[in-house]
Protein backbone atom coordinates (compact mmCIF):
# COMPACT_ATOMS: atom_id res chain seq x y z
CA MET A 1 -38.87 -28.05 -24.16
CA ALA A 2 -42.48 -27.65 -23.15
CA ASN A 3 -45.52 -25.71 -24.25
CA LEU A 4 -48.74 -24.69 -22.57
CA ASN A 5 -51.93 -22.97 -23.66
CA ILE A 6 -52.93 -20.13 -21.35
CA SER A 7 -56.52 -20.14 -20.06
CA ARG A 8 -56.27 -16.95 -17.98
CA ALA A 9 -54.28 -13.72 -17.95
CA GLU A 10 -51.02 -13.73 -15.99
CA ARG A 11 -47.35 -12.70 -16.07
CA LEU A 12 -45.01 -14.71 -18.28
CA ASP A 13 -42.44 -15.40 -15.52
CA MET A 14 -45.16 -16.76 -13.21
CA ARG A 15 -46.45 -19.02 -15.97
CA LEU A 16 -42.96 -20.53 -16.35
CA ILE A 17 -42.83 -21.27 -12.64
CA ALA A 18 -46.18 -23.04 -12.94
CA MET A 19 -44.80 -25.05 -15.85
CA TYR A 20 -41.53 -25.87 -14.04
CA PRO A 21 -41.97 -25.98 -10.23
CA ASP A 22 -38.19 -26.28 -9.68
CA LEU A 23 -37.62 -22.82 -11.18
CA THR A 24 -37.05 -19.79 -8.99
CA ARG A 25 -38.52 -16.48 -10.12
CA SER A 26 -35.05 -15.07 -10.87
CA VAL A 27 -34.09 -18.07 -13.02
CA SER A 28 -37.45 -17.85 -14.76
CA ALA A 29 -36.75 -14.20 -15.59
CA ARG A 30 -33.28 -15.09 -16.86
CA LEU A 31 -34.68 -17.71 -19.24
CA ILE A 32 -37.03 -15.11 -20.66
CA GLU A 33 -34.30 -12.47 -20.98
CA GLN A 34 -32.11 -15.01 -22.80
CA GLY A 35 -34.76 -15.40 -25.49
CA LYS A 36 -35.60 -19.00 -24.62
CA VAL A 37 -39.34 -18.41 -24.27
CA THR A 38 -41.91 -17.71 -27.00
CA VAL A 39 -45.53 -16.66 -26.82
CA ASN A 40 -47.56 -17.64 -29.88
CA GLY A 41 -44.29 -18.33 -31.71
CA LYS A 42 -42.75 -14.91 -30.94
CA VAL A 43 -39.75 -14.53 -28.64
CA ILE A 44 -40.68 -12.45 -25.59
CA GLU A 45 -37.86 -11.03 -23.46
CA LYS A 46 -39.89 -9.26 -20.74
CA ALA A 47 -40.57 -11.27 -17.57
CA GLY A 48 -43.57 -9.07 -16.77
CA TYR A 49 -45.20 -9.59 -20.16
CA LYS A 50 -48.98 -9.92 -19.62
CA MET A 51 -50.44 -12.87 -21.50
CA LYS A 52 -54.03 -13.27 -22.65
CA PRO A 53 -56.27 -16.34 -22.53
CA GLY A 54 -55.48 -18.60 -25.47
CA ASP A 55 -51.77 -17.57 -25.65
CA GLU A 56 -49.42 -20.50 -26.21
CA VAL A 57 -46.13 -20.51 -24.27
CA VAL A 58 -43.14 -22.58 -25.41
CA ALA A 59 -39.95 -22.73 -23.35
CA GLU A 60 -36.55 -24.26 -24.04
CA TYR A 61 -35.60 -25.43 -20.57
CA ASN A 62 -33.55 -28.35 -19.31
CA TYR A 63 -32.99 -28.47 -15.56
CA GLU A 64 -29.93 -30.68 -15.82
CA LEU A 65 -28.26 -28.36 -18.33
CA MET A 66 -29.25 -25.20 -16.45
CA THR A 67 -27.79 -26.54 -13.22
CA ALA A 68 -24.73 -28.28 -14.66
CA ILE A 69 -21.58 -26.93 -13.03
CA PRO A 70 -18.26 -27.65 -14.75
CA SER A 71 -15.55 -29.57 -12.90
CA ILE A 72 -12.37 -27.70 -11.99
CA ASP A 73 -9.04 -28.65 -10.45
CA ILE A 74 -7.91 -26.87 -7.30
CA PRO A 75 -4.58 -27.80 -5.65
CA VAL A 76 -4.97 -29.38 -2.20
CA LEU A 77 -2.38 -28.31 0.38
CA TYR A 78 -3.70 -30.34 3.33
CA GLU A 79 -6.64 -32.60 4.15
CA ASP A 80 -7.98 -34.58 7.10
CA ASP A 81 -11.40 -35.82 8.25
CA ASP A 82 -12.51 -32.33 9.28
CA CYS A 83 -11.11 -29.88 6.77
CA VAL A 84 -9.34 -29.39 3.47
CA VAL A 85 -6.91 -26.56 2.65
CA VAL A 86 -6.60 -25.44 -0.96
CA GLU A 87 -4.77 -22.90 -3.08
CA LYS A 88 -7.53 -20.94 -4.79
CA PRO A 89 -6.71 -19.92 -8.35
CA VAL A 90 -7.30 -16.43 -9.72
CA GLY A 91 -10.72 -15.99 -11.31
CA ILE A 92 -12.60 -18.52 -9.17
CA LEU A 93 -15.37 -17.42 -6.79
CA SER A 94 -15.27 -18.74 -3.23
CA HIS A 95 -19.01 -19.40 -3.52
CA SER A 96 -21.91 -18.23 -5.64
CA LYS A 97 -24.11 -15.42 -4.39
CA GLY A 98 -27.87 -15.07 -4.46
CA GLU A 99 -29.55 -16.91 -7.31
CA PHE A 100 -28.03 -20.01 -8.86
CA ASN A 101 -24.93 -19.25 -10.92
CA PRO A 102 -23.84 -22.20 -13.11
CA GLU A 103 -20.11 -21.57 -12.78
CA ALA A 104 -17.55 -23.52 -10.82
CA THR A 105 -16.63 -22.18 -7.38
CA VAL A 106 -14.54 -23.40 -4.47
CA ALA A 107 -17.81 -24.55 -2.88
CA SER A 108 -18.88 -26.58 -5.94
CA TRP A 109 -15.36 -28.06 -6.16
CA LEU A 110 -15.59 -29.08 -2.48
CA ALA A 111 -18.91 -30.87 -2.98
CA GLU A 112 -17.57 -32.81 -5.98
CA HIS A 113 -14.25 -33.53 -4.25
CA LEU A 114 -15.93 -35.13 -1.24
CA VAL A 115 -18.21 -37.26 -3.42
CA LYS A 116 -15.18 -38.50 -5.38
CA LYS A 117 -13.56 -39.51 -2.08
CA GLY A 118 -16.59 -41.65 -1.25
CA GLN A 119 -18.02 -39.22 1.29
CA GLN A 120 -21.65 -38.12 1.11
CA PRO A 121 -21.87 -34.79 3.00
CA GLN A 122 -25.62 -34.21 3.01
CA TRP A 123 -25.30 -30.68 4.41
CA ILE A 124 -23.16 -29.73 1.41
CA LEU A 125 -24.99 -31.69 -1.29
CA GLU A 126 -28.49 -30.75 -0.18
CA GLN A 127 -30.20 -28.81 -2.97
CA ASP A 128 -30.81 -25.12 -2.34
CA VAL A 129 -34.34 -24.89 -3.74
CA GLU A 130 -34.65 -21.17 -2.99
CA ARG A 131 -31.70 -20.30 -5.23
CA GLY A 132 -32.23 -23.05 -7.77
CA SER A 133 -28.85 -24.60 -6.97
CA PRO A 134 -28.12 -28.37 -7.12
CA HIS A 135 -26.08 -28.06 -3.90
CA ASN A 136 -25.75 -25.69 -0.97
CA PRO A 137 -23.71 -22.88 -2.59
CA ARG A 138 -21.92 -21.81 0.62
CA ALA A 139 -21.62 -25.01 2.65
CA GLY A 140 -18.07 -25.68 3.81
CA ILE A 141 -16.80 -22.18 3.05
CA VAL A 142 -15.12 -20.88 6.20
CA HIS A 143 -13.86 -17.57 4.79
CA ARG A 144 -13.77 -15.83 1.41
CA LEU A 145 -11.12 -14.69 -1.00
CA ASP A 146 -12.15 -12.27 -3.74
CA ARG A 147 -12.51 -13.75 -7.22
CA ALA A 148 -9.38 -11.89 -8.35
CA THR A 149 -7.29 -13.00 -5.34
CA SER A 150 -5.36 -16.28 -5.26
CA GLY A 151 -3.98 -18.24 -2.33
CA VAL A 152 -4.70 -20.23 0.82
CA MET A 153 -8.29 -21.10 1.76
CA ILE A 154 -9.48 -23.55 4.39
CA CYS A 155 -12.81 -25.37 3.94
CA ALA A 156 -14.83 -27.42 6.41
CA LYS A 157 -16.10 -30.95 5.81
CA THR A 158 -18.62 -31.02 8.66
CA PRO A 159 -20.94 -28.49 10.32
CA ALA A 160 -18.98 -28.83 13.58
CA ALA A 161 -15.69 -28.11 11.80
CA LEU A 162 -17.26 -25.08 10.12
CA VAL A 163 -18.29 -23.60 13.48
CA HIS A 164 -14.85 -24.33 15.00
CA LEU A 165 -12.97 -22.67 12.15
CA GLN A 166 -15.27 -19.68 11.59
CA LYS A 167 -15.16 -18.85 15.30
CA GLN A 168 -11.41 -18.30 15.05
CA PHE A 169 -11.86 -15.85 12.18
CA SER A 170 -14.57 -13.91 14.02
CA GLN A 171 -12.47 -13.81 17.21
CA ARG A 172 -9.32 -12.83 15.27
CA LYS A 173 -7.42 -15.91 16.39
CA THR A 174 -6.10 -16.64 12.91
CA LYS A 175 -2.97 -15.12 11.39
CA LYS A 176 -3.10 -14.30 7.69
CA THR A 177 -0.27 -13.11 5.46
CA TYR A 178 -0.78 -11.72 1.97
CA MET A 179 1.64 -10.52 -0.69
CA ALA A 180 0.92 -7.69 -3.11
CA VAL A 181 2.68 -5.67 -5.76
CA VAL A 182 1.83 -1.96 -5.57
CA SER A 183 2.63 0.98 -7.79
CA GLY A 184 5.27 3.36 -6.44
CA HIS A 185 7.07 3.13 -3.12
CA LEU A 186 5.46 3.06 0.32
CA LYS A 187 6.86 5.39 2.99
CA PRO A 188 7.58 4.37 5.65
CA GLU A 189 8.48 0.87 4.53
CA HIS A 190 6.93 -0.73 7.63
CA ALA A 191 3.81 0.60 9.36
CA ILE A 192 0.32 -0.15 10.63
CA ILE A 193 -2.68 1.35 8.83
CA ASP A 194 -5.57 1.90 11.25
CA MET A 195 -8.40 3.42 9.22
CA PRO A 196 -12.11 2.52 9.32
CA ILE A 197 -13.71 1.20 6.14
CA GLY A 198 -17.29 1.49 4.92
CA ARG A 199 -19.23 1.06 1.70
CA ASN A 200 -18.68 3.78 -0.89
CA SER A 201 -22.00 5.61 -1.31
CA LYS A 202 -20.92 6.88 -4.73
CA ASN A 203 -20.13 3.36 -5.95
CA PRO A 204 -21.84 0.70 -3.79
CA LYS A 205 -19.73 -2.09 -5.30
CA THR A 206 -16.63 -0.62 -3.67
CA PHE A 207 -15.50 0.42 -0.19
CA THR A 208 -13.64 3.44 1.12
CA VAL A 209 -11.95 4.88 4.21
CA THR A 210 -14.63 6.73 6.14
CA ASN A 211 -15.06 7.99 9.70
CA ASP A 212 -18.36 6.14 10.14
CA GLY A 213 -16.97 2.83 8.82
CA LYS A 214 -15.97 -0.29 10.70
CA SER A 215 -12.57 -0.61 12.36
CA ALA A 216 -9.93 -1.89 9.93
CA VAL A 217 -6.27 -2.52 10.77
CA THR A 218 -3.51 -3.68 8.43
CA GLU A 219 0.20 -4.13 9.07
CA TYR A 220 2.41 -3.83 5.99
CA LYS A 221 6.11 -4.24 5.26
CA VAL A 222 7.98 -3.64 2.01
CA VAL A 223 10.03 -6.77 1.26
CA GLY A 224 11.20 -5.99 -2.26
CA SER A 225 11.36 -3.10 -4.71
CA SER A 226 12.05 -2.22 -8.33
CA ALA A 227 12.05 1.08 -10.20
CA LYS A 228 8.25 1.26 -10.39
CA TYR A 229 6.89 -1.18 -7.81
CA ASP A 230 7.06 -2.43 -4.23
CA LEU A 231 6.50 -6.03 -3.17
CA VAL A 232 4.57 -5.74 0.09
CA GLU A 233 3.85 -8.22 2.88
CA LEU A 234 0.40 -7.56 4.38
CA LYS A 235 -0.98 -8.82 7.68
CA PRO A 236 -4.63 -7.87 8.24
CA VAL A 237 -5.67 -7.70 11.89
CA THR A 238 -9.33 -7.30 10.93
CA GLY A 239 -11.13 -8.87 8.00
CA ARG A 240 -13.18 -6.20 6.22
CA THR A 241 -14.28 -6.65 2.62
CA HIS A 242 -11.57 -5.31 0.25
CA GLN A 243 -9.61 -4.15 3.31
CA LEU A 244 -6.09 -4.53 1.87
CA ARG A 245 -7.10 -3.07 -1.47
CA VAL A 246 -8.79 -0.06 0.12
CA HIS A 247 -5.98 0.65 2.59
CA LEU A 248 -3.26 0.56 -0.08
CA HIS A 249 -5.34 2.69 -2.45
CA TYR A 250 -5.83 5.24 0.34
CA GLN A 251 -2.06 5.37 0.84
CA GLY A 252 -1.71 6.35 -2.81
CA HIS A 253 -0.20 3.00 -3.82
CA PRO A 254 -2.97 0.81 -5.27
CA ILE A 255 -2.36 -2.86 -6.00
CA VAL A 256 -1.35 -3.52 -9.60
CA GLY A 257 -4.31 -4.90 -11.54
CA ASP A 258 -6.90 -3.55 -9.09
CA LEU A 259 -9.26 -1.76 -11.48
CA PHE A 260 -11.79 -1.21 -8.67
CA TYR A 261 -9.33 1.01 -6.83
CA ASN A 262 -7.39 2.78 -9.60
CA GLY A 263 -4.67 0.15 -9.90
CA LYS A 264 -2.52 -0.07 -13.00
CA PRO A 265 -4.14 -2.43 -15.58
CA ALA A 266 -2.58 -5.91 -15.60
CA ASP A 267 -3.40 -9.53 -16.46
CA ARG A 268 -4.43 -10.20 -12.86
CA LEU A 269 -4.86 -8.60 -9.45
CA PHE A 270 -1.43 -8.84 -7.83
CA LEU A 271 -2.74 -9.93 -4.43
CA HIS A 272 -2.03 -13.42 -3.07
CA ALA A 273 -2.96 -15.06 0.24
CA LEU A 274 0.47 -16.49 1.10
CA SER A 275 -0.19 -18.21 4.43
CA LEU A 276 -2.79 -18.97 7.08
CA GLU A 277 -2.15 -19.92 10.71
CA ILE A 278 -5.11 -21.57 12.43
CA THR A 279 -6.03 -24.27 14.94
CA ILE A 280 -7.69 -27.14 13.08
CA PRO A 281 -10.54 -29.12 14.72
CA SER A 282 -8.11 -31.79 16.00
CA GLY A 283 -6.62 -29.10 18.26
CA GLU A 284 -3.33 -28.80 16.39
CA ARG A 285 -2.08 -25.32 15.50
CA LYS A 286 -0.92 -25.29 11.89
CA VAL A 287 0.53 -22.89 9.34
CA PHE A 288 -0.48 -23.49 5.72
CA GLU A 289 1.69 -21.81 3.10
CA THR A 290 1.91 -21.42 -0.65
CA LYS A 291 4.64 -20.09 -2.91
CA LEU A 292 4.61 -16.58 -4.31
CA PRO A 293 3.18 -16.78 -7.85
CA PRO A 294 5.99 -16.42 -10.43
CA GLU A 295 4.28 -13.48 -12.12
CA PHE A 296 4.89 -11.37 -9.00
CA GLU A 297 8.68 -11.64 -9.34
CA ALA A 298 8.39 -11.28 -13.10
CA LEU A 299 6.56 -7.97 -12.71
CA LEU A 300 9.23 -6.66 -10.35
CA GLN A 301 11.99 -7.77 -12.73
CA SER A 302 10.27 -6.03 -15.63
């Protein structure tokens, strides 16, 4: 906690930055909006509040607490000196976006994991001052899985490994297999969806099939069925954001639990990254696989 008497007029968020040089403007605004700042003993929740000379500002701020990220456990499928392959759980972000977000991600797990192993990866642990993060929030992340998607992810331990692995994704030299449970029954049971995808102008947080979108190709095959659902194997040729979700929604068979794309409400998004084939930095071609989550079979049985 700190307090300061104002000698000249200025915005409240800018005064906080002057008081705490390690604050970003966005984090400063968040502190104010959370009611942690008072002016002359009164809580002020507007970052743009104009103060007058003589105003006293008091802030409840602790850098260590604000930047503390909880530890999480993520199963490791494979690890060597260059990379580590994990099974990302549902509900975990691949990495934080924009300003500092004090929640655990695959990226924060990777930084902690390497420190525990006695490695000191400076490029990962280097503080991101611009975003107010205690470590680089995206370092080591080769590719993303949506928060709601579980499954195989490969992470890099060195900058050289990151370049090597990301190049394969950009050049479509990886092979990815996903599993999903969709409502209804796909016809035909095996086909290739070749439909461009772009951002949905009516809802910018989502994407849609559109003629002026980017090329998007998905191969699907029904591998199991029940009265209400199909279990579908999906092999994306391209890697557009929400590609599998958008393509299945467009076919009239959204993924169960996909509330963004009119899926039936469920405890989770029934989309799982089952396997990844890639050439690791040592030059060896490998296939990393996980098991189908038990809730997928349980849903079909129900």
